Amino acid sequence: MDQEIGKVTHYFDKAMVAVIKVSDDLRVGDTVKFKHADSEFAQTIGSMQIDHKNIDSVKAGEEVAIKVDQATHESAKVYKVE
């Protein structure tokens, strides 16, 4: 069962970057799934940034920017794929 771990708060389409407010810990290398209406895709996190600095992990309550492989939407739910 996939566990909801956050929501997209901003999406920058030119840069293909999603800003996610996380409700659980997340690290580079984790696989996440983005779901919005009928669209959904999964990807492994290759890099994350906070304030334009690369980081390896985030804790619940933080906002993190992630480069995404496909377009997503603000308010898309994010799940950790087990």
N, C-alpha and C. Protein backbone atom coordinates (compact mmCIF):
# COMPACT_ATOMS: atom_id res chain seq x y z
N MET A 1 0.85 -1.19 0.00
CA MET A 1 0.00 0.00 0.00
C MET A 1 0.89 1.25 0.00
N ASP A 2 0.63 2.15 -0.92
CA ASP A 2 1.40 3.39 -0.97
C ASP A 2 0.96 4.32 0.15
N GLN A 3 1.94 5.02 0.73
CA GLN A 3 1.68 5.89 1.86
C GLN A 3 1.77 7.34 1.40
N GLU A 4 0.71 8.13 1.65
CA GLU A 4 0.74 9.55 1.29
C GLU A 4 1.77 10.26 2.15
N ILE A 5 2.69 10.98 1.51
CA ILE A 5 3.75 11.65 2.26
C ILE A 5 3.85 13.14 1.94
N GLY A 6 2.87 13.67 1.21
CA GLY A 6 2.92 15.10 0.95
C GLY A 6 2.02 15.55 -0.16
N LYS A 7 2.12 16.86 -0.45
CA LYS A 7 1.30 17.47 -1.48
C LYS A 7 2.15 18.51 -2.21
N VAL A 8 1.95 18.60 -3.53
CA VAL A 8 2.66 19.60 -4.33
C VAL A 8 2.05 20.97 -4.02
N THR A 9 2.88 21.91 -3.56
CA THR A 9 2.40 23.26 -3.25
C THR A 9 2.69 24.23 -4.39
N HIS A 10 3.73 23.96 -5.17
CA HIS A 10 4.07 24.78 -6.34
C HIS A 10 4.63 23.86 -7.42
N TYR A 11 4.40 24.25 -8.67
CA TYR A 11 4.99 23.51 -9.78
C TYR A 11 5.52 24.50 -10.80
N PHE A 12 6.78 24.37 -11.14
CA PHE A 12 7.44 25.25 -12.10
C PHE A 12 7.62 24.45 -13.38
N ASP A 13 6.73 24.72 -14.38
CA ASP A 13 6.70 23.88 -15.56
C ASP A 13 7.94 24.01 -16.44
N LYS A 14 8.50 25.21 -16.58
CA LYS A 14 9.69 25.36 -17.43
C LYS A 14 10.88 24.58 -16.87
N ALA A 15 11.03 24.61 -15.55
CA ALA A 15 12.15 23.91 -14.89
C ALA A 15 11.79 22.45 -14.57
N MET A 16 10.51 22.09 -14.68
CA MET A 16 10.02 20.76 -14.30
C MET A 16 10.41 20.43 -12.85
N VAL A 17 10.07 21.36 -11.97
CA VAL A 17 10.38 21.21 -10.54
C VAL A 17 9.08 21.32 -9.75
N ALA A 18 8.86 20.37 -8.85
CA ALA A 18 7.71 20.39 -7.95
C ALA A 18 8.20 20.69 -6.54
N VAL A 19 7.50 21.61 -5.86
CA VAL A 19 7.78 21.89 -4.45
C VAL A 19 6.74 21.11 -3.66
N ILE A 20 7.25 20.29 -2.74
CA ILE A 20 6.37 19.39 -1.98
C ILE A 20 6.47 19.72 -0.50
N LYS A 21 5.32 19.87 0.14
CA LYS A 21 5.25 19.97 1.61
C LYS A 21 5.10 18.53 2.09
N VAL A 22 6.14 18.04 2.79
CA VAL A 22 6.15 16.62 3.17
C VAL A 22 5.57 16.40 4.56
N SER A 23 4.86 15.29 4.71
CA SER A 23 4.28 14.93 6.00
C SER A 23 4.98 13.72 6.60
N ASP A 24 6.05 13.27 5.94
CA ASP A 24 6.84 12.14 6.43
C ASP A 24 8.26 12.30 5.88
N ASP A 25 9.19 11.60 6.47
CA ASP A 25 10.59 11.69 6.02
C ASP A 25 10.72 11.19 4.58
N LEU A 26 11.65 11.80 3.86
CA LEU A 26 11.87 11.47 2.46
C LEU A 26 13.35 11.63 2.17
N ARG A 27 13.91 10.73 1.35
CA ARG A 27 15.34 10.81 1.02
C ARG A 27 15.57 10.59 -0.47
N VAL A 28 16.73 11.07 -0.92
CA VAL A 28 17.16 10.80 -2.29
C VAL A 28 17.25 9.29 -2.44
N GLY A 29 16.74 8.77 -3.55
CA GLY A 29 16.72 7.33 -3.79
C GLY A 29 15.36 6.70 -3.53
N ASP A 30 14.49 7.40 -2.76
CA ASP A 30 13.13 6.90 -2.54
C ASP A 30 12.34 6.99 -3.85
N THR A 31 11.40 6.11 -4.03
CA THR A 31 10.50 6.18 -5.17
C THR A 31 9.18 6.78 -4.70
N VAL A 32 8.71 7.78 -5.44
CA VAL A 32 7.46 8.46 -5.10
C VAL A 32 6.51 8.41 -6.29
N LYS A 33 5.22 8.54 -5.99
CA LYS A 33 4.19 8.58 -7.02
C LYS A 33 3.43 9.89 -6.87
N PHE A 34 3.24 10.59 -8.00
CA PHE A 34 2.47 11.83 -8.04
C PHE A 34 1.10 11.49 -8.61
N LYS A 35 0.01 11.89 -7.91
CA LYS A 35 -1.35 11.62 -8.37
C LYS A 35 -2.14 12.91 -8.37
N HIS A 36 -2.79 13.20 -9.53
CA HIS A 36 -3.68 14.35 -9.62
C HIS A 36 -4.77 14.01 -10.63
N ALA A 37 -6.02 14.00 -10.18
CA ALA A 37 -7.16 13.63 -11.04
C ALA A 37 -6.87 12.27 -11.69
N ASP A 38 -6.86 12.22 -13.02
CA ASP A 38 -6.64 10.95 -13.71
C ASP A 38 -5.18 10.69 -14.04
N SER A 39 -4.30 11.66 -13.77
CA SER A 39 -2.89 11.47 -14.13
C SER A 39 -2.09 10.99 -12.92
N GLU A 40 -1.14 10.11 -13.19
CA GLU A 40 -0.28 9.60 -12.13
C GLU A 40 0.99 9.06 -12.77
N PHE A 41 2.11 9.28 -12.06
CA PHE A 41 3.38 8.69 -12.50
C PHE A 41 4.27 8.50 -11.29
N ALA A 42 5.20 7.57 -11.41
CA ALA A 42 6.15 7.29 -10.32
C ALA A 42 7.56 7.57 -10.82
N GLN A 43 8.40 7.96 -9.90
CA GLN A 43 9.81 8.17 -10.23
C GLN A 43 10.65 8.04 -8.97
N THR A 44 11.94 7.75 -9.18
CA THR A 44 12.90 7.71 -8.09
C THR A 44 13.48 9.11 -7.94
N ILE A 45 13.60 9.58 -6.71
CA ILE A 45 14.13 10.92 -6.46
C ILE A 45 15.63 10.92 -6.70
N GLY A 46 16.07 11.73 -7.65
CA GLY A 46 17.49 11.82 -7.98
C GLY A 46 18.19 12.93 -7.22
N SER A 47 17.44 14.01 -6.92
CA SER A 47 18.02 15.12 -6.15
C SER A 47 16.89 15.93 -5.53
N MET A 48 17.23 16.58 -4.42
CA MET A 48 16.28 17.44 -3.72
C MET A 48 17.02 18.70 -3.30
N GLN A 49 16.27 19.80 -3.19
CA GLN A 49 16.87 21.05 -2.75
C GLN A 49 15.94 21.78 -1.79
N ILE A 50 16.56 22.47 -0.85
CA ILE A 50 15.87 23.45 0.00
C ILE A 50 16.69 24.72 -0.12
N ASP A 51 16.01 25.82 -0.46
CA ASP A 51 16.69 27.11 -0.66
C ASP A 51 17.88 26.99 -1.61
N HIS A 52 17.69 26.28 -2.71
CA HIS A 52 18.70 26.11 -3.77
C HIS A 52 19.96 25.38 -3.32
N LYS A 53 19.87 24.64 -2.20
CA LYS A 53 21.01 23.84 -1.72
C LYS A 53 20.62 22.37 -1.80
N ASN A 54 21.50 21.55 -2.38
CA ASN A 54 21.23 20.12 -2.48
C ASN A 54 21.24 19.49 -1.10
N ILE A 55 20.28 18.61 -0.87
CA ILE A 55 20.18 17.89 0.40
C ILE A 55 19.92 16.42 0.10
N ASP A 56 20.12 15.57 1.10
CA ASP A 56 19.91 14.13 0.93
C ASP A 56 18.59 13.65 1.51
N SER A 57 18.04 14.41 2.47
CA SER A 57 16.79 13.97 3.11
C SER A 57 16.05 15.17 3.71
N VAL A 58 14.74 14.98 3.91
CA VAL A 58 13.91 15.99 4.58
C VAL A 58 13.06 15.29 5.63
N LYS A 59 12.63 16.08 6.60
CA LYS A 59 11.77 15.56 7.67
C LYS A 59 10.36 16.11 7.49
N ALA A 60 9.41 15.46 8.12
CA ALA A 60 8.01 15.88 8.06
C ALA A 60 7.88 17.37 8.40
N GLY A 61 7.06 18.08 7.63
CA GLY A 61 6.81 19.49 7.86
C GLY A 61 7.63 20.42 6.99
N GLU A 62 8.67 19.89 6.34
CA GLU A 62 9.53 20.74 5.50
C GLU A 62 8.99 20.80 4.07
N GLU A 63 9.41 21.83 3.34
CA GLU A 63 9.11 21.94 1.91
C GLU A 63 10.38 21.70 1.14
N VAL A 64 10.28 20.89 0.09
CA VAL A 64 11.46 20.50 -0.67
C VAL A 64 11.15 20.60 -2.16
N ALA A 65 12.14 20.99 -2.94
CA ALA A 65 12.00 21.04 -4.40
C ALA A 65 12.61 19.79 -5.00
N ILE A 66 11.86 19.17 -5.91
CA ILE A 66 12.29 17.94 -6.56
C ILE A 66 12.12 18.10 -8.06
N LYS A 67 13.16 17.74 -8.81
CA LYS A 67 13.08 17.72 -10.27
C LYS A 67 12.22 16.53 -10.67
N VAL A 68 11.18 16.77 -11.49
CA VAL A 68 10.27 15.69 -11.86
C VAL A 68 10.46 15.30 -13.32
N ASP A 69 10.15 14.03 -13.62
CA ASP A 69 10.31 13.48 -14.97
C ASP A 69 9.15 13.84 -15.88
N GLN A 70 7.98 14.11 -15.28
CA GLN A 70 6.78 14.42 -16.05
C GLN A 70 6.08 15.62 -15.40
N ALA A 71 5.23 16.26 -16.18
CA ALA A 71 4.47 17.39 -15.64
C ALA A 71 3.54 16.91 -14.54
N THR A 72 3.38 17.75 -13.51
CA THR A 72 2.43 17.46 -12.45
C THR A 72 1.63 18.73 -12.19
N HIS A 73 0.89 18.79 -11.11
CA HIS A 73 0.02 19.93 -10.84
C HIS A 73 0.12 20.32 -9.38
N GLU A 74 -0.12 21.61 -9.10
CA GLU A 74 -0.25 22.03 -7.72
C GLU A 74 -1.44 21.28 -7.13
N SER A 75 -1.33 20.90 -5.89
CA SER A 75 -2.31 20.12 -5.12
C SER A 75 -2.28 18.62 -5.45
N ALA A 76 -1.36 18.18 -6.33
CA ALA A 76 -1.19 16.74 -6.55
C ALA A 76 -0.73 16.08 -5.25
N LYS A 77 -1.24 14.91 -4.98
CA LYS A 77 -0.81 14.17 -3.79
C LYS A 77 0.44 13.37 -4.14
N VAL A 78 1.32 13.23 -3.15
CA VAL A 78 2.57 12.50 -3.35
C VAL A 78 2.59 11.32 -2.40
N TYR A 79 2.91 10.14 -2.94
CA TYR A 79 2.94 8.91 -2.16
C TYR A 79 4.32 8.30 -2.23
N LYS A 80 4.75 7.69 -1.12
CA LYS A 80 5.99 6.91 -1.14
C LYS A 80 5.63 5.50 -1.58
N VAL A 81 6.35 5.01 -2.60
CA VAL A 81 6.10 3.66 -3.11
C VAL A 81 7.00 2.69 -2.34
N GLU A 82 6.38 1.71 -1.73
CA GLU A 82 7.14 0.73 -0.93
C GLU A 82 7.69 -0.37 -1.80
